[in-house]
């Protein structure tokens, strides 16, 4: 039984000669969570203070 990626799974990892490898710190930052609602937390705090 063959799977979709059986033909490429054991190939060596490509390393670019043109572009330097990105640091692990920068790679992780790309996938870090972000706040989709900028200022939402501040608005909640302000509302709580006004009550």
N, C-alpha and C. Protein backbone atom coordinates (compact mmCIF):
# COMPACT_ATOMS: atom_id res chain seq x y z
N UNK A 1 0.84 -1.18 0.00
CA UNK A 1 0.00 0.00 0.00
C UNK A 1 0.89 1.25 0.00
N UNK A 2 0.65 2.16 -0.89
CA UNK A 2 1.45 3.39 -0.94
C UNK A 2 0.63 4.57 -0.42
N UNK A 3 1.34 5.53 0.11
CA UNK A 3 0.71 6.74 0.63
C UNK A 3 1.10 7.91 -0.27
N UNK A 4 0.43 9.04 -0.07
CA UNK A 4 0.62 10.20 -0.93
C UNK A 4 2.07 10.69 -1.01
N UNK A 5 2.80 10.61 0.09
CA UNK A 5 4.13 11.21 0.14
C UNK A 5 5.27 10.20 0.23
N UNK A 6 5.00 8.97 -0.06
CA UNK A 6 6.03 7.94 0.00
C UNK A 6 7.22 8.24 -0.90
N UNK A 7 6.99 8.92 -2.01
CA UNK A 7 8.07 9.19 -2.95
C UNK A 7 9.01 10.31 -2.48
N UNK A 8 8.59 11.14 -1.55
CA UNK A 8 9.44 12.27 -1.13
C UNK A 8 9.83 12.23 0.35
N UNK A 9 9.26 11.33 1.11
CA UNK A 9 9.45 11.34 2.56
C UNK A 9 10.90 11.14 2.97
N UNK A 10 11.69 10.43 2.22
CA UNK A 10 13.07 10.16 2.60
C UNK A 10 14.10 11.01 1.85
N UNK A 11 13.64 12.04 1.14
CA UNK A 11 14.58 12.93 0.46
C UNK A 11 15.28 13.82 1.47
N UNK A 12 16.51 14.25 1.20
CA UNK A 12 17.20 15.15 2.13
C UNK A 12 16.51 16.51 2.19
N UNK A 13 16.61 17.15 3.33
CA UNK A 13 16.02 18.47 3.53
C UNK A 13 16.74 19.50 2.67
N UNK A 14 15.99 20.32 1.97
CA UNK A 14 16.58 21.34 1.10
C UNK A 14 17.13 22.50 1.94
N UNK A 15 18.33 22.95 1.63
CA UNK A 15 18.93 24.12 2.26
C UNK A 15 19.28 25.10 1.16
N UNK A 16 18.71 26.29 1.25
CA UNK A 16 18.90 27.30 0.21
C UNK A 16 20.33 27.83 0.22
N UNK A 17 20.86 28.08 -0.97
CA UNK A 17 22.18 28.69 -1.08
C UNK A 17 22.06 30.21 -1.12
N UNK A 18 20.87 30.72 -1.41
CA UNK A 18 20.63 32.16 -1.51
C UNK A 18 20.18 32.82 -0.22
N UNK A 19 19.29 32.15 0.47
CA UNK A 19 18.66 32.76 1.64
C UNK A 19 19.18 32.12 2.92
N UNK A 20 19.59 32.93 3.88
CA UNK A 20 20.07 32.36 5.14
C UNK A 20 18.91 31.70 5.90
N UNK A 21 19.24 30.70 6.67
CA UNK A 21 18.21 29.98 7.42
C UNK A 21 17.66 30.88 8.52
N UNK A 22 16.36 30.87 8.69
CA UNK A 22 15.70 31.69 9.71
C UNK A 22 15.96 31.09 11.09
N UNK A 23 16.16 31.96 12.06
CA UNK A 23 16.40 31.47 13.42
C UNK A 23 15.13 30.83 13.98
N UNK A 24 15.30 29.97 14.95
CA UNK A 24 14.14 29.32 15.57
C UNK A 24 13.24 30.36 16.23
N UNK A 25 13.84 31.41 16.79
CA UNK A 25 13.08 32.49 17.44
C UNK A 25 12.15 33.16 16.43
N UNK A 26 12.68 33.50 15.24
CA UNK A 26 11.86 34.15 14.22
C UNK A 26 10.81 33.20 13.65
N UNK A 27 11.16 31.94 13.51
CA UNK A 27 10.18 30.97 13.01
C UNK A 27 9.02 30.83 14.00
N UNK A 28 9.36 30.77 15.28
CA UNK A 28 8.32 30.63 16.30
C UNK A 28 7.42 31.86 16.33
N UNK A 29 8.00 33.04 16.11
CA UNK A 29 7.22 34.27 16.14
C UNK A 29 6.16 34.30 15.05
N UNK A 30 6.42 33.64 13.94
CA UNK A 30 5.44 33.60 12.86
C UNK A 30 4.16 32.87 13.27
N UNK A 31 4.29 31.94 14.17
CA UNK A 31 3.14 31.12 14.55
C UNK A 31 2.61 31.46 15.94
N UNK A 32 3.16 32.50 16.56
CA UNK A 32 2.70 32.90 17.88
C UNK A 32 1.29 33.46 17.78
N UNK A 33 0.49 33.27 18.81
CA UNK A 33 -0.86 33.83 18.79
C UNK A 33 -0.81 35.35 18.76
N UNK A 34 -1.82 35.95 18.20
CA UNK A 34 -1.90 37.40 18.16
C UNK A 34 -3.29 37.82 18.61
N UNK A 35 -3.42 39.06 19.00
CA UNK A 35 -4.69 39.58 19.44
C UNK A 35 -5.45 40.14 18.24
N UNK A 36 -6.49 39.47 17.85
CA UNK A 36 -7.28 39.92 16.70
C UNK A 36 -8.08 41.16 17.04
N UNK A 37 -8.39 41.35 18.31
CA UNK A 37 -9.16 42.51 18.73
C UNK A 37 -8.27 43.44 19.54
N UNK A 38 -7.46 44.22 18.87
CA UNK A 38 -6.54 45.14 19.55
C UNK A 38 -7.34 46.14 20.38
N UNK A 39 -6.98 46.27 21.64
CA UNK A 39 -7.64 47.21 22.53
C UNK A 39 -8.82 46.62 23.29
N UNK A 40 -9.19 45.40 22.99
CA UNK A 40 -10.35 44.77 23.63
C UNK A 40 -10.14 44.62 25.14
N UNK A 41 -8.96 44.16 25.53
CA UNK A 41 -8.67 43.98 26.96
C UNK A 41 -8.74 45.31 27.70
N UNK A 42 -8.21 46.37 27.10
CA UNK A 42 -8.26 47.70 27.72
C UNK A 42 -9.70 48.18 27.87
N UNK A 43 -10.52 47.93 26.88
CA UNK A 43 -11.93 48.32 26.95
C UNK A 43 -12.64 47.58 28.07
N UNK A 44 -12.33 46.30 28.24
CA UNK A 44 -12.93 45.54 29.34
C UNK A 44 -12.53 46.09 30.69
N UNK A 45 -11.25 46.40 30.83
CA UNK A 45 -10.76 46.95 32.11
C UNK A 45 -11.42 48.28 32.41
N UNK A 46 -11.55 49.14 31.41
CA UNK A 46 -12.18 50.45 31.59
C UNK A 46 -13.63 50.27 32.00
N UNK A 47 -14.33 49.35 31.37
CA UNK A 47 -15.73 49.09 31.72
C UNK A 47 -15.86 48.59 33.15
N UNK A 48 -14.95 47.75 33.56
CA UNK A 48 -14.98 47.22 34.94
C UNK A 48 -14.74 48.32 35.94
N UNK A 49 -13.85 49.25 35.63
CA UNK A 49 -13.55 50.36 36.54
C UNK A 49 -14.71 51.32 36.68
N UNK A 50 -15.49 51.47 35.62
CA UNK A 50 -16.62 52.40 35.63
C UNK A 50 -17.81 51.85 36.38
N UNK A 51 -17.85 50.58 36.65
CA UNK A 51 -19.01 49.98 37.34
C UNK A 51 -18.92 50.15 38.82
